[in-house]
Amino acid sequence: RSPSPDMALFGIRIHSAIVPAVVMLIATLLFWRLYDLTPEK
């Protein structure tokens, strides 16, 4: 039924792995920048 079954299958990989990897990388870098509670603090 899909007009582009190969693309539809690759789309599953986009929302399974590619988008989560990008979002997690950005979130980790922002945490590194903003969160400064060291053990001493």
PDB file of all heavy atoms in Angstrom:
ATOM      1  N   ARG A   1       0.791  -1.231   0.000  1.00  0.00           N
ATOM      2  CA  ARG A   1       0.000   0.000   0.000  1.00  0.00           C
ATOM      3  C   ARG A   1       0.818   1.274   0.000  1.00  0.00           C
ATOM      4  O   ARG A   1       0.311   2.338  -0.375  1.00  0.00           O
ATOM      5  CB  ARG A   1      -0.939  -0.010   1.209  1.00  0.00           C
ATOM      6  CG  ARG A   1      -1.966  -1.139   1.173  1.00  0.00           C
ATOM      7  CD  ARG A   1      -2.752  -1.225   2.457  1.00  0.00           C
ATOM      8  NE  ARG A   1      -3.387   0.040   2.791  1.00  0.00           N
ATOM      9  CZ  ARG A   1      -4.018   0.295   3.933  1.00  0.00           C
ATOM     10  NH1 ARG A   1      -4.074  -0.651   4.864  1.00  0.00           N
ATOM     11  NH2 ARG A   1      -4.571   1.462   4.157  1.00  0.00           N
ATOM     12  N   SER A   2       2.075   1.213   0.427  1.00  0.00           N
ATOM     13  CA  SER A   2       2.887   2.432   0.516  1.00  0.00           C
ATOM     14  C   SER A   2       3.425   2.817  -0.860  1.00  0.00           C
ATOM     15  O   SER A   2       3.898   1.946  -1.608  1.00  0.00           O
ATOM     16  CB  SER A   2       4.058   2.235   1.482  1.00  0.00           C
ATOM     17  OG  SER A   2       4.930   3.349   1.431  1.00  0.00           O
ATOM     18  N   PRO A   3       3.398   4.111  -1.201  1.00  0.00           N
ATOM     19  CA  PRO A   3       3.994   4.543  -2.475  1.00  0.00           C
ATOM     20  C   PRO A   3       5.519   4.457  -2.468  1.00  0.00           C
ATOM     21  O   PRO A   3       6.140   4.451  -3.526  1.00  0.00           O
ATOM     22  CB  PRO A   3       3.518   5.992  -2.607  1.00  0.00           C
ATOM     23  CG  PRO A   3       3.285   6.435  -1.192  1.00  0.00           C
ATOM     24  CD  PRO A   3       2.790   5.230  -0.469  1.00  0.00           C
ATOM     25  N   SER A   4       6.117   4.405  -1.280  1.00  0.00           N
ATOM     26  CA  SER A   4       7.584   4.332  -1.168  1.00  0.00           C
ATOM     27  C   SER A   4       7.957   3.461   0.018  1.00  0.00           C
ATOM     28  O   SER A   4       8.378   3.966   1.065  1.00  0.00           O
ATOM     29  CB  SER A   4       8.171   5.730  -1.009  1.00  0.00           C
ATOM     30  OG  SER A   4       7.546   6.416   0.073  1.00  0.00           O
ATOM     31  N   PRO A   5       7.785   2.120  -0.097  1.00  0.00           N
ATOM     32  CA  PRO A   5       8.000   1.243   1.059  1.00  0.00           C
ATOM     33  C   PRO A   5       9.412   1.293   1.631  1.00  0.00           C
ATOM     34  O   PRO A   5       9.591   1.206   2.845  1.00  0.00           O
ATOM     35  CB  PRO A   5       7.660  -0.143   0.511  1.00  0.00           C
ATOM     36  CG  PRO A   5       7.711  -0.021  -0.971  1.00  0.00           C
ATOM     37  CD  PRO A   5       7.325   1.374  -1.288  1.00  0.00           C
ATOM     38  N   ASP A   6      10.424   1.437   0.785  1.00  0.00           N
ATOM     39  CA  ASP A   6      11.800   1.506   1.306  1.00  0.00           C
ATOM     40  C   ASP A   6      12.001   2.741   2.168  1.00  0.00           C
ATOM     41  O   ASP A   6      12.642   2.682   3.225  1.00  0.00           O
ATOM     42  CB  ASP A   6      12.806   1.499   0.139  1.00  0.00           C
ATOM     43  CG  ASP A   6      12.888   0.149  -0.550  1.00  0.00           C
ATOM     44  OD1 ASP A   6      12.485  -0.862   0.074  1.00  0.00           O
ATOM     45  OD2 ASP A   6      13.333   0.104  -1.713  1.00  0.00           O
ATOM     46  N   MET A   7      11.449   3.871   1.705  1.00  0.00           N
ATOM     47  CA  MET A   7      11.548   5.100   2.501  1.00  0.00           C
ATOM     48  C   MET A   7      10.738   4.975   3.792  1.00  0.00           C
ATOM     49  O   MET A   7      11.156   5.452   4.845  1.00  0.00           O
ATOM     50  CB  MET A   7      11.048   6.301   1.685  1.00  0.00           C
ATOM     51  CG  MET A   7      12.059   6.826   0.683  1.00  0.00           C
ATOM     52  SD  MET A   7      13.563   7.428   1.499  1.00  0.00           S
ATOM     53  CE  MET A   7      12.889   8.780   2.461  1.00  0.00           C
ATOM     54  N   ALA A   8       9.581   4.313   3.706  1.00  0.00           N
ATOM     55  CA  ALA A   8       8.765   4.136   4.904  1.00  0.00           C
ATOM     56  C   ALA A   8       9.517   3.317   5.950  1.00  0.00           C
ATOM     57  O   ALA A   8       9.465   3.620   7.150  1.00  0.00           O
ATOM     58  CB  ALA A   8       7.447   3.453   4.543  1.00  0.00           C
ATOM     59  N   LEU A   9      10.245   2.299   5.509  1.00  0.00           N
ATOM     60  CA  LEU A   9      11.025   1.480   6.433  1.00  0.00           C
ATOM     61  C   LEU A   9      12.196   2.256   7.011  1.00  0.00           C
ATOM     62  O   LEU A   9      12.512   2.138   8.198  1.00  0.00           O
ATOM     63  CB  LEU A   9      11.517   0.216   5.730  1.00  0.00           C
ATOM     64  CG  LEU A   9      10.422  -0.778   5.313  1.00  0.00           C
ATOM     65  CD1 LEU A   9      11.024  -1.940   4.530  1.00  0.00           C
ATOM     66  CD2 LEU A   9       9.674  -1.290   6.527  1.00  0.00           C
ATOM     67  N   PHE A  10      12.847   3.080   6.176  1.00  0.00           N
ATOM     68  CA  PHE A  10      13.950   3.896   6.704  1.00  0.00           C
ATOM     69  C   PHE A  10      13.409   4.942   7.676  1.00  0.00           C
ATOM     70  O   PHE A  10      14.095   5.316   8.636  1.00  0.00           O
ATOM     71  CB  PHE A  10      14.713   4.582   5.571  1.00  0.00           C
ATOM     72  CG  PHE A  10      15.903   5.368   6.051  1.00  0.00           C
ATOM     73  CD1 PHE A  10      17.028   4.729   6.540  1.00  0.00           C
ATOM     74  CD2 PHE A  10      15.877   6.755   6.050  1.00  0.00           C
ATOM     75  CE1 PHE A  10      18.118   5.447   7.007  1.00  0.00           C
ATOM     76  CE2 PHE A  10      16.967   7.484   6.510  1.00  0.00           C
ATOM     77  CZ  PHE A  10      18.086   6.825   6.983  1.00  0.00           C
ATOM     78  N   GLY A  11      12.189   5.401   7.470  1.00  0.00           N
ATOM     79  CA  GLY A  11      11.582   6.348   8.393  1.00  0.00           C
ATOM     80  C   GLY A  11      11.482   5.790   9.804  1.00  0.00           C
ATOM     81  O   GLY A  11      11.621   6.522  10.783  1.00  0.00           O
ATOM     82  N   ILE A  12      11.260   4.467   9.904  1.00  0.00           N
ATOM     83  CA  ILE A  12      11.222   3.840  11.228  1.00  0.00           C
ATOM     84  C   ILE A  12      12.579   3.970  11.904  1.00  0.00           C
ATOM     85  O   ILE A  12      12.673   4.196  13.110  1.00  0.00           O
ATOM     86  CB  ILE A  12      10.791   2.370  11.102  1.00  0.00           C
ATOM     87  CG1 ILE A  12       9.344   2.296  10.598  1.00  0.00           C
ATOM     88  CG2 ILE A  12      10.917   1.649  12.450  1.00  0.00           C
ATOM     89  CD1 ILE A  12       8.870   0.896  10.273  1.00  0.00           C
ATOM     90  N   ARG A  13      13.655   3.834  11.146  1.00  0.00           N
ATOM     91  CA  ARG A  13      14.995   4.016  11.719  1.00  0.00           C
ATOM     92  C   ARG A  13      15.227   5.468  12.130  1.00  0.00           C
ATOM     93  O   ARG A  13      15.939   5.748  13.098  1.00  0.00           O
ATOM     94  CB  ARG A  13      16.060   3.568  10.722  1.00  0.00           C
ATOM     95  CG  ARG A  13      16.018   2.074  10.408  1.00  0.00           C
ATOM     96  CD  ARG A  13      17.180   1.648   9.529  1.00  0.00           C
ATOM     97  NE  ARG A  13      17.036   0.260   9.118  1.00  0.00           N
ATOM     98  CZ  ARG A  13      17.455  -0.778   9.834  1.00  0.00           C
ATOM     99  NH1 ARG A  13      18.051  -0.571  11.004  1.00  0.00           N
ATOM    100  NH2 ARG A  13      17.289  -2.009   9.391  1.00  0.00           N
ATOM    101  N   ILE A  14      14.619   6.390  11.410  1.00  0.00           N
ATOM    102  CA  ILE A  14      14.772   7.807  11.761  1.00  0.00           C
ATOM    103  C   ILE A  14      14.198   8.060  13.151  1.00  0.00           C
ATOM    104  O   ILE A  14      14.848   8.683  14.007  1.00  0.00           O
ATOM    105  CB  ILE A  14      14.089   8.712  10.712  1.00  0.00           C
ATOM    106  CG1 ILE A  14      14.842   8.634   9.378  1.00  0.00           C
ATOM    107  CG2 ILE A  14      14.029  10.158  11.212  1.00  0.00           C
ATOM    108  CD1 ILE A  14      14.166   9.402   8.257  1.00  0.00           C
ATOM    109  N   HIS A  15      12.956   7.581  13.385  1.00  0.00           N
ATOM    110  CA  HIS A  15      12.370   7.875  14.705  1.00  0.00           C
ATOM    111  C   HIS A  15      12.779   6.871  15.776  1.00  0.00           C
ATOM    112  O   HIS A  15      12.533   7.099  16.955  1.00  0.00           O
ATOM    113  CB  HIS A  15      10.844   8.024  14.624  1.00  0.00           C
ATOM    114  CG  HIS A  15      10.065   6.828  14.179  1.00  0.00           C
ATOM    115  ND1 HIS A  15       9.937   5.685  14.906  1.00  0.00           N
ATOM    116  CD2 HIS A  15       9.334   6.619  13.041  1.00  0.00           C
ATOM    117  CE1 HIS A  15       9.149   4.823  14.278  1.00  0.00           C
ATOM    118  NE2 HIS A  15       8.782   5.353  13.132  1.00  0.00           N
ATOM    119  N   SER A  16      13.436   5.780  15.384  1.00  0.00           N
ATOM    120  CA  SER A  16      13.929   4.825  16.383  1.00  0.00           C
ATOM    121  C   SER A  16      15.315   5.188  16.898  1.00  0.00           C
ATOM    122  O   SER A  16      15.624   4.952  18.071  1.00  0.00           O
ATOM    123  CB  SER A  16      13.986   3.409  15.796  1.00  0.00           C
ATOM    124  OG  SER A  16      12.728   2.970  15.382  1.00  0.00           O
ATOM    125  N   ALA A  17      16.169   5.734  16.034  1.00  0.00           N
ATOM    126  CA  ALA A  17      17.578   5.905  16.395  1.00  0.00           C
ATOM    127  C   ALA A  17      18.152   7.277  16.075  1.00  0.00           C
ATOM    128  O   ALA A  17      18.836   7.878  16.902  1.00  0.00           O
ATOM    129  CB  ALA A  17      18.405   4.825  15.689  1.00  0.00           C
ATOM    130  N   ILE A  18      17.890   7.789  14.874  1.00  0.00           N
ATOM    131  CA  ILE A  18      18.564   9.030  14.443  1.00  0.00           C
ATOM    132  C   ILE A  18      18.101  10.222  15.273  1.00  0.00           C
ATOM    133  O   ILE A  18      18.921  10.962  15.842  1.00  0.00           O
ATOM    134  CB  ILE A  18      18.341   9.275  12.941  1.00  0.00           C
ATOM    135  CG1 ILE A  18      19.000   8.157  12.123  1.00  0.00           C
ATOM    136  CG2 ILE A  18      18.913  10.637  12.532  1.00  0.00           C
ATOM    137  CD1 ILE A  18      18.734   8.248  10.638  1.00  0.00           C
ATOM    138  N   VAL A  19      16.799  10.426  15.352  1.00  0.00           N
ATOM    139  CA  VAL A  19      16.286  11.560  16.133  1.00  0.00           C
ATOM    140  C   VAL A  19      16.658  11.430  17.610  1.00  0.00           C
ATOM    141  O   VAL A  19      17.126  12.400  18.228  1.00  0.00           O
ATOM    142  CB  VAL A  19      14.766  11.707  15.944  1.00  0.00           C
ATOM    143  CG1 VAL A  19      14.190  12.733  16.918  1.00  0.00           C
ATOM    144  CG2 VAL A  19      14.451  12.102  14.513  1.00  0.00           C
ATOM    145  N   PRO A  20      16.480  10.249  18.253  1.00  0.00           N
ATOM    146  CA  PRO A  20      16.886  10.135  19.663  1.00  0.00           C
ATOM    147  C   PRO A  20      18.361  10.442  19.894  1.00  0.00           C
ATOM    148  O   PRO A  20      18.718  11.060  20.899  1.00  0.00           O
ATOM    149  CB  PRO A  20      16.571   8.668  19.997  1.00  0.00           C
ATOM    150  CG  PRO A  20      15.484   8.283  19.062  1.00  0.00           C
ATOM    151  CD  PRO A  20      15.778   9.029  17.798  1.00  0.00           C
ATOM    152  N   ALA A  21      19.236  10.015  18.972  1.00  0.00           N
ATOM    153  CA  ALA A  21      20.667  10.274  19.137  1.00  0.00           C
ATOM    154  C   ALA A  21      20.956  11.772  19.101  1.00  0.00           C
ATOM    155  O   ALA A  21      21.732  12.291  19.919  1.00  0.00           O
ATOM    156  CB  ALA A  21      21.458   9.557  18.042  1.00  0.00           C
ATOM    157  N   VAL A  22      20.330  12.486  18.164  1.00  0.00           N
ATOM    158  CA  VAL A  22      20.559  13.931  18.041  1.00  0.00           C
ATOM    159  C   VAL A  22      20.028  14.668  19.269  1.00  0.00           C
ATOM    160  O   VAL A  22      20.702  15.535  19.842  1.00  0.00           O
ATOM    161  CB  VAL A  22      19.901  14.464  16.750  1.00  0.00           C
ATOM    162  CG1 VAL A  22      19.962  15.983  16.710  1.00  0.00           C
ATOM    163  CG2 VAL A  22      20.578  13.871  15.518  1.00  0.00           C
ATOM    164  N   VAL A  23      18.819  14.317  19.687  1.00  0.00           N
ATOM    165  CA  VAL A  23      18.219  14.978  20.850  1.00  0.00           C
ATOM    166  C   VAL A  23      19.053  14.732  22.104  1.00  0.00           C
ATOM    167  O   VAL A  23      19.319  15.650  22.897  1.00  0.00           O
ATOM    168  CB  VAL A  23      16.767  14.495  21.061  1.00  0.00           C
ATOM    169  CG1 VAL A  23      16.216  15.003  22.392  1.00  0.00           C
ATOM    170  CG2 VAL A  23      15.887  14.956  19.918  1.00  0.00           C
ATOM    171  N   MET A  24      19.500  13.486  22.290  1.00  0.00           N
ATOM    172  CA  MET A  24      20.277  13.151  23.490  1.00  0.00           C
ATOM    173  C   MET A  24      21.618  13.869  23.491  1.00  0.00           C
ATOM    174  O   MET A  24      22.098  14.312  24.547  1.00  0.00           O
ATOM    175  CB  MET A  24      20.484  11.634  23.562  1.00  0.00           C
ATOM    176  CG  MET A  24      21.073  11.162  24.881  1.00  0.00           C
ATOM    177  SD  MET A  24      19.930  11.434  26.249  1.00  0.00           S
ATOM    178  CE  MET A  24      21.073  11.777  27.589  1.00  0.00           C
ATOM    179  N   LEU A  25      22.250  14.010  22.335  1.00  0.00           N
ATOM    180  CA  LEU A  25      23.536  14.713  22.254  1.00  0.00           C
ATOM    181  C   LEU A  25      23.369  16.181  22.645  1.00  0.00           C
ATOM    182  O   LEU A  25      24.149  16.721  23.447  1.00  0.00           O
ATOM    183  CB  LEU A  25      24.102  14.602  20.842  1.00  0.00           C
ATOM    184  CG  LEU A  25      25.421  15.339  20.595  1.00  0.00           C
ATOM    185  CD1 LEU A  25      26.528  14.818  21.507  1.00  0.00           C
ATOM    186  CD2 LEU A  25      25.829  15.231  19.126  1.00  0.00           C
ATOM    187  N   ILE A  26      22.359  16.827  22.097  1.00  0.00           N
ATOM    188  CA  ILE A  26      22.122  18.238  22.415  1.00  0.00           C
ATOM    189  C   ILE A  26      21.811  18.406  23.903  1.00  0.00           C
ATOM    190  O   ILE A  26      22.335  19.312  24.568  1.00  0.00           O
ATOM    191  CB  ILE A  26      20.975  18.793  21.554  1.00  0.00           C
ATOM    192  CG1 ILE A  26      21.382  18.810  20.072  1.00  0.00           C
ATOM    193  CG2 ILE A  26      20.577  20.194  22.010  1.00  0.00           C
ATOM    194  CD1 ILE A  26      20.244  19.156  19.132  1.00  0.00           C
ATOM    195  N   ALA A  27      20.981  17.520  24.438  1.00  0.00           N
ATOM    196  CA  ALA A  27      20.606  17.613  25.853  1.00  0.00           C
ATOM    197  C   ALA A  27      21.815  17.432  26.761  1.00  0.00           C
ATOM    198  O   ALA A  27      21.961  18.141  27.767  1.00  0.00           O
ATOM    199  CB  ALA A  27      19.542  16.566  26.170  1.00  0.00           C
ATOM    200  N   THR A  28      22.689  16.500  26.422  1.00  0.00           N
ATOM    201  CA  THR A  28      23.876  16.255  27.248  1.00  0.00           C
ATOM    202  C   THR A  28      24.818  17.450  27.230  1.00  0.00           C
ATOM    203  O   THR A  28      25.378  17.839  28.269  1.00  0.00           O
ATOM    204  CB  THR A  28      24.612  14.990  26.757  1.00  0.00           C
ATOM    205  OG1 THR A  28      23.695  13.888  26.757  1.00  0.00           O
ATOM    206  CG2 THR A  28      25.785  14.655  27.670  1.00  0.00           C
ATOM    207  N   LEU A  29      24.999  18.047  26.066  1.00  0.00           N
ATOM    208  CA  LEU A  29      25.871  19.221  25.965  1.00  0.00           C
ATOM    209  C   LEU A  29      25.305  20.398  26.757  1.00  0.00           C
ATOM    210  O   LEU A  29      26.059  21.141  27.409  1.00  0.00           O
ATOM    211  CB  LEU A  29      26.057  19.598  24.492  1.00  0.00           C
ATOM    212  CG  LEU A  29      26.856  18.594  23.643  1.00  0.00           C
ATOM    213  CD1 LEU A  29      26.834  18.997  22.172  1.00  0.00           C
ATOM    214  CD2 LEU A  29      28.287  18.484  24.141  1.00  0.00           C
ATOM    215  N   LEU A  30      23.990  20.594  26.710  1.00  0.00           N
ATOM    216  CA  LEU A  30      23.378  21.681  27.474  1.00  0.00           C
ATOM    217  C   LEU A  30      23.482  21.424  28.973  1.00  0.00           C
ATOM    218  O   LEU A  30      23.712  22.353  29.757  1.00  0.00           O
ATOM    219  CB  LEU A  30      21.920  21.857  27.056  1.00  0.00           C
ATOM    220  CG  LEU A  30      21.692  22.454  25.663  1.00  0.00           C
ATOM    221  CD1 LEU A  30      20.217  22.426  25.293  1.00  0.00           C
ATOM    222  CD2 LEU A  30      22.231  23.886  25.598  1.00  0.00           C
ATOM    223  N   PHE A  31      23.305  20.176  29.387  1.00  0.00           N
ATOM    224  CA  PHE A  31      23.482  19.825  30.795  1.00  0.00           C
ATOM    225  C   PHE A  31      24.907  20.151  31.242  1.00  0.00           C
ATOM    226  O   PHE A  31      25.128  20.693  32.330  1.00  0.00           O
ATOM    227  CB  PHE A  31      23.188  18.335  30.987  1.00  0.00           C
ATOM    228  CG  PHE A  31      23.445  17.830  32.385  1.00  0.00           C
ATOM    229  CD1 PHE A  31      22.512  18.009  33.385  1.00  0.00           C
ATOM    230  CD2 PHE A  31      24.619  17.159  32.692  1.00  0.00           C
ATOM    231  CE1 PHE A  31      22.738  17.532  34.681  1.00  0.00           C
ATOM    232  CE2 PHE A  31      24.865  16.680  33.975  1.00  0.00           C
ATOM    233  CZ  PHE A  31      23.923  16.883  34.971  1.00  0.00           C
ATOM    234  N   TRP A  32      25.880  19.812  30.453  1.00  0.00           N
ATOM    235  CA  TRP A  32      27.289  20.099  30.725  1.00  0.00           C
ATOM    236  C   TRP A  32      27.487  21.596  30.957  1.00  0.00           C
ATOM    237  O   TRP A  32      28.232  22.012  31.842  1.00  0.00           O
ATOM    238  CB  TRP A  32      28.125  19.613  29.549  1.00  0.00           C
ATOM    239  CG  TRP A  32      29.602  19.560  29.806  1.00  0.00           C
ATOM    240  CD1 TRP A  32      30.290  20.002  30.887  1.00  0.00           C
ATOM    241  CD2 TRP A  32      30.587  18.988  28.933  1.00  0.00           C
ATOM    242  NE1 TRP A  32      31.630  19.767  30.747  1.00  0.00           N
ATOM    243  CE2 TRP A  32      31.840  19.142  29.559  1.00  0.00           C
ATOM    244  CE3 TRP A  32      30.520  18.388  27.680  1.00  0.00           C
ATOM    245  CZ2 TRP A  32      33.027  18.711  28.965  1.00  0.00           C
ATOM    246  CZ3 TRP A  32      31.705  17.939  27.089  1.00  0.00           C
ATOM    247  CH2 TRP A  32      32.937  18.098  27.736  1.00  0.00           C
ATOM    248  N   ARG A  33      26.797  22.398  30.156  1.00  0.00           N
ATOM    249  CA  ARG A  33      26.964  23.849  30.231  1.00  0.00           C
ATOM    250  C   ARG A  33      26.236  24.464  31.432  1.00  0.00           C
ATOM    251  O   ARG A  33      26.746  25.387  32.076  1.00  0.00           O
ATOM    252  CB  ARG A  33      26.424  24.482  28.941  1.00  0.00           C
ATOM    253  CG  ARG A  33      26.469  26.002  28.895  1.00  0.00           C
ATOM    254  CD  ARG A  33      27.895  26.505  28.773  1.00  0.00           C
ATOM    255  NE  ARG A  33      27.939  27.949  28.667  1.00  0.00           N
ATOM    256  CZ  ARG A  33      27.919  28.786  29.700  1.00  0.00           C
ATOM    257  NH1 ARG A  33      27.848  28.304  30.938  1.00  0.00           N
ATOM    258  NH2 ARG A  33      27.971  30.085  29.506  1.00  0.00           N
ATOM    259  N   LEU A  34      25.053  23.960  31.783  1.00  0.00           N
ATOM    260  CA  LEU A  34      24.201  24.630  32.757  1.00  0.00           C
ATOM    261  C   LEU A  34      24.315  24.075  34.180  1.00  0.00           C
ATOM    262  O   LEU A  34      24.155  24.822  35.151  1.00  0.00           O
ATOM    263  CB  LEU A  34      22.733  24.541  32.314  1.00  0.00           C
ATOM    264  CG  LEU A  34      22.376  25.255  31.010  1.00  0.00           C
ATOM    265  CD1 LEU A  34      20.949  24.927  30.601  1.00  0.00           C
ATOM    266  CD2 LEU A  34      22.552  26.765  31.150  1.00  0.00           C
ATOM    267  N   TYR A  35      24.567  22.779  34.304  1.00  0.00           N
ATOM    268  CA  TYR A  35      24.514  22.133  35.616  1.00  0.00           C
ATOM    269  C   TYR A  35      25.912  22.128  36.239  1.00  0.00           C
ATOM    270  O   TYR A  35      26.810  21.450  35.742  1.00  0.00           O
ATOM    271  CB  TYR A  35      23.990  20.699  35.462  1.00  0.00           C
ATOM    272  CG  TYR A  35      23.695  19.992  36.759  1.00  0.00           C
ATOM    273  CD1 TYR A  35      22.419  20.022  37.312  1.00  0.00           C
ATOM    274  CD2 TYR A  35      24.674  19.278  37.440  1.00  0.00           C
ATOM    275  CE1 TYR A  35      22.123  19.365  38.494  1.00  0.00           C
ATOM    276  CE2 TYR A  35      24.398  18.617  38.625  1.00  0.00           C
ATOM    277  CZ  TYR A  35      23.129  18.666  39.141  1.00  0.00           C
ATOM    278  OH  TYR A  35      22.844  18.013  40.321  1.00  0.00           O
ATOM    279  N   ASP A  36      26.089  22.877  37.312  1.00  0.00           N
ATOM    280  CA  ASP A  36      27.426  23.050  37.888  1.00  0.00           C
ATOM    281  C   ASP A  36      27.505  22.609  39.351  1.00  0.00           C
ATOM    282  O   ASP A  36      28.368  23.087  40.100  1.00  0.00           O
ATOM    283  CB  ASP A  36      27.878  24.505  37.757  1.00  0.00           C
ATOM    284  CG  ASP A  36      26.999  25.466  38.554  1.00  0.00           C
ATOM    285  OD1 ASP A  36      25.923  25.041  39.013  1.00  0.00           O
ATOM    286  OD2 ASP A  36      27.397  26.644  38.708  1.00  0.00           O
ATOM    287  N   LEU A  37      26.635  21.696  39.779  1.00  0.00           N
ATOM    288  CA  LEU A  37      26.669  21.227  41.167  1.00  0.00           C
ATOM    289  C   LEU A  37      27.771  20.176  41.316  1.00  0.00           C
ATOM    290  O   LEU A  37      27.554  18.982  41.092  1.00  0.00           O
ATOM    291  CB  LEU A  37      25.312  20.653  41.580  1.00  0.00           C
ATOM    292  CG  LEU A  37      24.235  21.684  41.904  1.00  0.00           C
ATOM    293  CD1 LEU A  37      22.911  21.007  42.223  1.00  0.00           C
ATOM    294  CD2 LEU A  37      24.658  22.581  43.060  1.00  0.00           C
ATOM    295  N   THR A  38      28.936  20.638  41.704  1.00  0.00           N
ATOM    296  CA  THR A  38      30.071  19.754  41.939  1.00  0.00           C
ATOM    297  C   THR A  38      29.924  19.068  43.295  1.00  0.00           C
ATOM    298  O   THR A  38      29.095  19.473  44.118  1.00  0.00           O
ATOM    299  CB  THR A  38      31.371  20.574  41.927  1.00  0.00           C
ATOM    300  OG1 THR A  38      31.310  21.535  42.991  1.00  0.00           O
ATOM    301  CG2 THR A  38      31.547  21.299  40.595  1.00  0.00           C
ATOM    302  N   PRO A  39      30.730  18.032  43.581  1.00  0.00           N
ATOM    303  CA  PRO A  39      30.654  17.380  44.893  1.00  0.00           C
ATOM    304  C   PRO A  39      30.858  18.350  46.049  1.00  0.00           C
ATOM    305  O   PRO A  39      30.206  18.217  47.100  1.00  0.00           O
ATOM    306  CB  PRO A  39      31.773  16.339  44.830  1.00  0.00           C
ATOM    307  CG  PRO A  39      31.907  16.021  43.388  1.00  0.00           C
ATOM    308  CD  PRO A  39      31.640  17.320  42.664  1.00  0.00           C
ATOM    309  N   GLU A  40      31.758  19.323  45.870  1.00  0.00           N
ATOM    310  CA  GLU A  40      32.003  20.298  46.936  1.00  0.00           C
ATOM    311  C   GLU A  40      30.758  21.133  47.230  1.00  0.00           C
ATOM    312  O   GLU A  40      30.400  21.365  48.395  1.00  0.00           O
ATOM    313  CB  GLU A  40      33.167  21.214  46.543  1.00  0.00           C
ATOM    314  CG  GLU A  40      34.526  20.537  46.512  1.00  0.00           C
ATOM    315  CD  GLU A  40      34.712  19.650  45.300  1.00  0.00           C
ATOM    316  OE1 GLU A  40      33.980  19.850  44.298  1.00  0.00           O
ATOM    317  OE2 GLU A  40      35.570  18.737  45.346  1.00  0.00           O
ATOM    318  N   LYS A  41      30.068  21.570  46.178  1.00  0.00           N
ATOM    319  CA  LYS A  41      28.848  22.361  46.372  1.00  0.00           C
ATOM    320  C   LYS A  41      27.738  21.521  47.001  1.00  0.00           C
ATOM    321  O   LYS A  41      26.983  22.008  47.851  1.00  0.00           O
ATOM    322  CB  LYS A  41      28.392  22.942  45.033  1.00  0.00           C
ATOM    323  CG  LYS A  41      29.331  23.994  44.465  1.00  0.00           C
ATOM    324  CD  LYS A  41      28.858  24.497  43.112  1.00  0.00           C
ATOM    325  CE  LYS A  41      29.826  25.537  42.557  1.00  0.00           C
ATOM    326  NZ  LYS A  41      29.401  26.009  41.211  1.00  0.00           N
TER     327      LYS A  41
END
